[in-house]
Amino acid sequence: MVSREFRLQLKGYGLTTAEIHYRLPDHPALLQRYLWQDYDLAPDFPTLQGFLDFWQRELEGALHSVRVAHQRLIKPSEWRAVNGIISVH
């Protein structure tokens, strides 16, 4: 059986990590960090947008900033022509 993650990667999804900084409800001057990771489509990031919408709607900690890193794990191979022969004994 093929995993959900592998099927998503074949559809073009990549591993997305978001570093979310938010204010503590009881101490708004303090920032807390939350790391979120899932497979998502760049550049619109619909899964991350859905999570952030849920956060703003259901959680008390006000969002301060979000930093996103994204990498497609399955992608076309890179080829380059090489002139010469290397012998390994």
N, C-alpha and C. Protein backbone atom coordinates (compact mmCIF):
# COMPACT_ATOMS: atom_id res chain seq x y z
N MET A 1 0.84 -1.18 0.00
CA MET A 1 0.00 0.00 0.00
C MET A 1 0.89 1.25 0.00
N VAL A 2 0.56 2.23 -0.82
CA VAL A 2 1.34 3.45 -0.96
C VAL A 2 0.90 4.46 0.09
N SER A 3 1.86 5.11 0.73
CA SER A 3 1.54 6.06 1.80
C SER A 3 0.93 7.35 1.24
N ARG A 4 0.19 8.04 2.06
CA ARG A 4 -0.43 9.32 1.71
C ARG A 4 0.65 10.33 1.31
N GLU A 5 1.75 10.37 2.06
CA GLU A 5 2.82 11.32 1.80
C GLU A 5 3.44 11.11 0.42
N PHE A 6 3.67 9.85 0.04
CA PHE A 6 4.26 9.57 -1.26
C PHE A 6 3.32 9.98 -2.38
N ARG A 7 2.02 9.71 -2.24
CA ARG A 7 1.05 10.12 -3.25
C ARG A 7 1.03 11.64 -3.40
N LEU A 8 1.11 12.37 -2.28
CA LEU A 8 1.13 13.83 -2.34
C LEU A 8 2.39 14.33 -3.06
N GLN A 9 3.53 13.70 -2.81
CA GLN A 9 4.77 14.11 -3.45
C GLN A 9 4.69 13.91 -4.97
N LEU A 10 4.04 12.84 -5.40
CA LEU A 10 3.88 12.60 -6.84
C LEU A 10 2.96 13.64 -7.48
N LYS A 11 2.08 14.24 -6.69
CA LYS A 11 1.18 15.29 -7.20
C LYS A 11 1.83 16.67 -7.16
N GLY A 12 3.09 16.76 -6.71
CA GLY A 12 3.78 18.05 -6.70
C GLY A 12 3.89 18.70 -5.33
N TYR A 13 3.37 18.06 -4.31
CA TYR A 13 3.46 18.62 -2.96
C TYR A 13 4.89 18.50 -2.45
N GLY A 14 5.28 19.43 -1.61
CA GLY A 14 6.60 19.39 -0.99
C GLY A 14 6.47 19.53 0.51
N LEU A 15 7.52 19.16 1.21
CA LEU A 15 7.53 19.26 2.67
C LEU A 15 7.64 20.73 3.05
N THR A 16 6.68 21.21 3.83
CA THR A 16 6.63 22.61 4.24
C THR A 16 6.77 22.68 5.75
N THR A 17 7.66 23.55 6.20
CA THR A 17 7.85 23.79 7.62
C THR A 17 7.56 25.26 7.88
N ALA A 18 6.74 25.54 8.86
CA ALA A 18 6.41 26.92 9.23
C ALA A 18 6.81 27.16 10.67
N GLU A 19 7.56 28.22 10.88
CA GLU A 19 7.91 28.66 12.24
C GLU A 19 6.95 29.79 12.57
N ILE A 20 6.04 29.52 13.51
CA ILE A 20 4.97 30.47 13.83
C ILE A 20 5.29 31.10 15.18
N HIS A 21 5.39 32.42 15.18
CA HIS A 21 5.58 33.17 16.43
C HIS A 21 4.25 33.78 16.81
N TYR A 22 3.87 33.61 18.07
CA TYR A 22 2.59 34.15 18.52
C TYR A 22 2.76 34.73 19.93
N ARG A 23 1.84 35.60 20.27
CA ARG A 23 1.86 36.25 21.58
C ARG A 23 1.11 35.38 22.59
N LEU A 24 1.67 35.30 23.79
CA LEU A 24 1.00 34.55 24.86
C LEU A 24 -0.23 35.33 25.30
N PRO A 25 -1.37 34.66 25.47
CA PRO A 25 -2.60 35.36 25.85
C PRO A 25 -2.47 36.09 27.19
N ASP A 26 -1.82 35.48 28.17
CA ASP A 26 -1.71 36.09 29.50
C ASP A 26 -0.59 37.13 29.59
N HIS A 27 0.40 37.03 28.69
CA HIS A 27 1.54 37.95 28.70
C HIS A 27 1.84 38.37 27.25
N PRO A 28 1.08 39.33 26.71
CA PRO A 28 1.21 39.70 25.30
C PRO A 28 2.59 40.24 24.90
N ALA A 29 3.40 40.65 25.87
CA ALA A 29 4.74 41.15 25.54
C ALA A 29 5.70 40.01 25.22
N LEU A 30 5.33 38.76 25.56
CA LEU A 30 6.19 37.61 25.32
C LEU A 30 5.75 36.87 24.06
N LEU A 31 6.75 36.41 23.30
CA LEU A 31 6.47 35.62 22.11
C LEU A 31 6.81 34.16 22.36
N GLN A 32 6.00 33.28 21.81
CA GLN A 32 6.22 31.84 21.86
C GLN A 32 6.39 31.35 20.43
N ARG A 33 7.10 30.25 20.24
CA ARG A 33 7.32 29.70 18.90
C ARG A 33 6.66 28.33 18.79
N TYR A 34 6.03 28.10 17.64
CA TYR A 34 5.40 26.82 17.33
C TYR A 34 5.89 26.38 15.96
N LEU A 35 6.34 25.14 15.83
CA LEU A 35 6.77 24.62 14.54
C LEU A 35 5.70 23.71 13.97
N TRP A 36 5.33 23.96 12.72
CA TRP A 36 4.29 23.20 12.03
C TRP A 36 4.92 22.60 10.78
N GLN A 37 4.59 21.34 10.48
CA GLN A 37 5.16 20.69 9.30
C GLN A 37 4.12 19.78 8.66
N ASP A 38 3.98 19.90 7.33
CA ASP A 38 3.07 19.07 6.57
C ASP A 38 3.44 19.19 5.10
N TYR A 39 2.81 18.41 4.25
CA TYR A 39 3.02 18.50 2.81
C TYR A 39 2.05 19.54 2.25
N ASP A 40 2.58 20.43 1.40
CA ASP A 40 1.77 21.53 0.90
C ASP A 40 2.26 21.93 -0.49
N LEU A 41 1.45 22.72 -1.19
CA LEU A 41 1.77 23.19 -2.54
C LEU A 41 2.25 24.63 -2.49
N ALA A 42 3.47 24.88 -2.99
CA ALA A 42 3.97 26.24 -3.09
C ALA A 42 3.46 26.85 -4.39
N PRO A 43 3.26 28.10 -4.53
CA PRO A 43 3.53 29.18 -3.58
C PRO A 43 2.32 29.60 -2.77
N ASP A 44 1.15 28.98 -3.01
CA ASP A 44 -0.07 29.41 -2.31
C ASP A 44 -0.22 28.80 -0.92
N PHE A 45 0.33 27.63 -0.69
CA PHE A 45 0.29 26.93 0.60
C PHE A 45 -1.13 26.83 1.17
N PRO A 46 -2.05 26.13 0.48
CA PRO A 46 -3.43 26.04 0.96
C PRO A 46 -3.57 25.31 2.30
N THR A 47 -2.75 24.29 2.55
CA THR A 47 -2.84 23.57 3.82
C THR A 47 -2.40 24.46 4.97
N LEU A 48 -1.31 25.18 4.79
CA LEU A 48 -0.83 26.11 5.83
C LEU A 48 -1.83 27.23 6.05
N GLN A 49 -2.40 27.77 4.96
CA GLN A 49 -3.40 28.83 5.10
C GLN A 49 -4.61 28.34 5.90
N GLY A 50 -5.03 27.10 5.65
CA GLY A 50 -6.13 26.53 6.42
C GLY A 50 -5.80 26.40 7.89
N PHE A 51 -4.56 25.99 8.19
CA PHE A 51 -4.15 25.88 9.59
C PHE A 51 -4.11 27.26 10.26
N LEU A 52 -3.58 28.26 9.56
CA LEU A 52 -3.51 29.60 10.14
C LEU A 52 -4.90 30.20 10.32
N ASP A 53 -5.82 29.91 9.39
CA ASP A 53 -7.21 30.36 9.57
C ASP A 53 -7.83 29.73 10.81
N PHE A 54 -7.58 28.43 11.00
CA PHE A 54 -8.06 27.73 12.20
C PHE A 54 -7.46 28.38 13.45
N TRP A 55 -6.16 28.68 13.40
CA TRP A 55 -5.47 29.28 14.55
C TRP A 55 -6.15 30.60 14.94
N GLN A 56 -6.35 31.47 13.96
CA GLN A 56 -6.94 32.78 14.26
C GLN A 56 -8.38 32.67 14.73
N ARG A 57 -9.10 31.68 14.25
CA ARG A 57 -10.50 31.50 14.60
C ARG A 57 -10.68 30.84 15.97
N GLU A 58 -9.83 29.85 16.32
CA GLU A 58 -10.08 29.01 17.49
C GLU A 58 -9.13 29.21 18.66
N LEU A 59 -7.93 29.75 18.43
CA LEU A 59 -6.94 29.85 19.51
C LEU A 59 -6.80 31.29 19.99
N GLU A 60 -6.36 31.44 21.24
CA GLU A 60 -6.28 32.77 21.84
C GLU A 60 -4.99 33.51 21.52
N GLY A 61 -3.91 32.81 21.24
CA GLY A 61 -2.63 33.47 21.00
C GLY A 61 -2.62 34.19 19.66
N ALA A 62 -2.43 35.52 19.69
CA ALA A 62 -2.42 36.31 18.46
C ALA A 62 -1.14 36.04 17.67
N LEU A 63 -1.28 35.84 16.37
CA LEU A 63 -0.12 35.58 15.52
C LEU A 63 0.75 36.83 15.41
N HIS A 64 2.05 36.62 15.51
CA HIS A 64 3.01 37.72 15.34
C HIS A 64 3.67 37.63 13.97
N SER A 65 4.22 36.45 13.64
CA SER A 65 4.89 36.28 12.34
C SER A 65 4.94 34.80 11.99
N VAL A 66 5.10 34.53 10.71
CA VAL A 66 5.21 33.15 10.20
C VAL A 66 6.35 33.13 9.20
N ARG A 67 7.28 32.20 9.39
CA ARG A 67 8.40 32.02 8.46
C ARG A 67 8.26 30.62 7.86
N VAL A 68 8.34 30.54 6.52
CA VAL A 68 8.05 29.29 5.82
C VAL A 68 9.28 28.80 5.05
N ALA A 69 9.52 27.48 5.14
CA ALA A 69 10.53 26.82 4.32
C ALA A 69 9.83 25.69 3.58
N HIS A 70 10.18 25.52 2.30
CA HIS A 70 9.48 24.52 1.48
C HIS A 70 10.49 23.82 0.58
N GLN A 71 10.36 22.52 0.44
CA GLN A 71 11.26 21.75 -0.43
C GLN A 71 10.49 20.61 -1.06
N ARG A 72 10.53 20.56 -2.40
CA ARG A 72 9.97 19.40 -3.09
C ARG A 72 10.96 18.25 -2.96
N LEU A 73 10.50 17.11 -2.52
CA LEU A 73 11.39 15.99 -2.30
C LEU A 73 11.55 15.12 -3.55
N ILE A 74 10.53 15.08 -4.38
CA ILE A 74 10.62 14.35 -5.65
C ILE A 74 10.59 15.40 -6.75
N LYS A 75 11.66 15.44 -7.55
CA LYS A 75 11.75 16.42 -8.61
C LYS A 75 12.59 15.85 -9.75
N PRO A 76 12.57 16.48 -10.90
CA PRO A 76 13.36 15.96 -12.02
C PRO A 76 14.84 15.91 -11.67
N SER A 77 15.52 14.91 -12.21
CA SER A 77 16.95 14.79 -11.99
C SER A 77 17.70 15.87 -12.76
N GLU A 78 18.86 16.22 -12.26
CA GLU A 78 19.70 17.18 -12.96
C GLU A 78 20.81 16.42 -13.68
N TRP A 79 20.94 16.69 -14.97
CA TRP A 79 21.96 16.03 -15.79
C TRP A 79 22.90 17.07 -16.34
N ARG A 80 24.16 16.72 -16.47
CA ARG A 80 25.09 17.59 -17.14
C ARG A 80 26.10 16.73 -17.88
N ALA A 81 26.56 17.24 -18.99
CA ALA A 81 27.53 16.51 -19.80
C ALA A 81 28.92 16.64 -19.18
N VAL A 82 29.62 15.52 -19.15
CA VAL A 82 30.97 15.49 -18.60
C VAL A 82 31.91 14.95 -19.68
N ASN A 83 32.95 15.68 -19.96
CA ASN A 83 33.95 15.23 -20.93
C ASN A 83 35.10 14.55 -20.18
N GLY A 84 35.41 13.35 -20.57
CA GLY A 84 36.54 12.66 -19.96
C GLY A 84 36.12 11.33 -19.33
N ILE A 85 37.12 10.56 -18.97
CA ILE A 85 36.90 9.26 -18.33
C ILE A 85 37.73 9.21 -17.06
N ILE A 86 37.13 8.74 -16.01
CA ILE A 86 37.83 8.59 -14.74
C ILE A 86 37.96 7.09 -14.47
N SER A 87 39.19 6.64 -14.29
CA SER A 87 39.44 5.21 -14.01
C SER A 87 39.60 5.02 -12.52
N VAL A 88 38.92 4.05 -12.00
CA VAL A 88 39.05 3.70 -10.59
C VAL A 88 39.61 2.29 -10.52
N HIS A 89 40.73 2.13 -9.86
CA HIS A 89 41.38 0.81 -9.77
C HIS A 89 40.97 0.12 -8.51
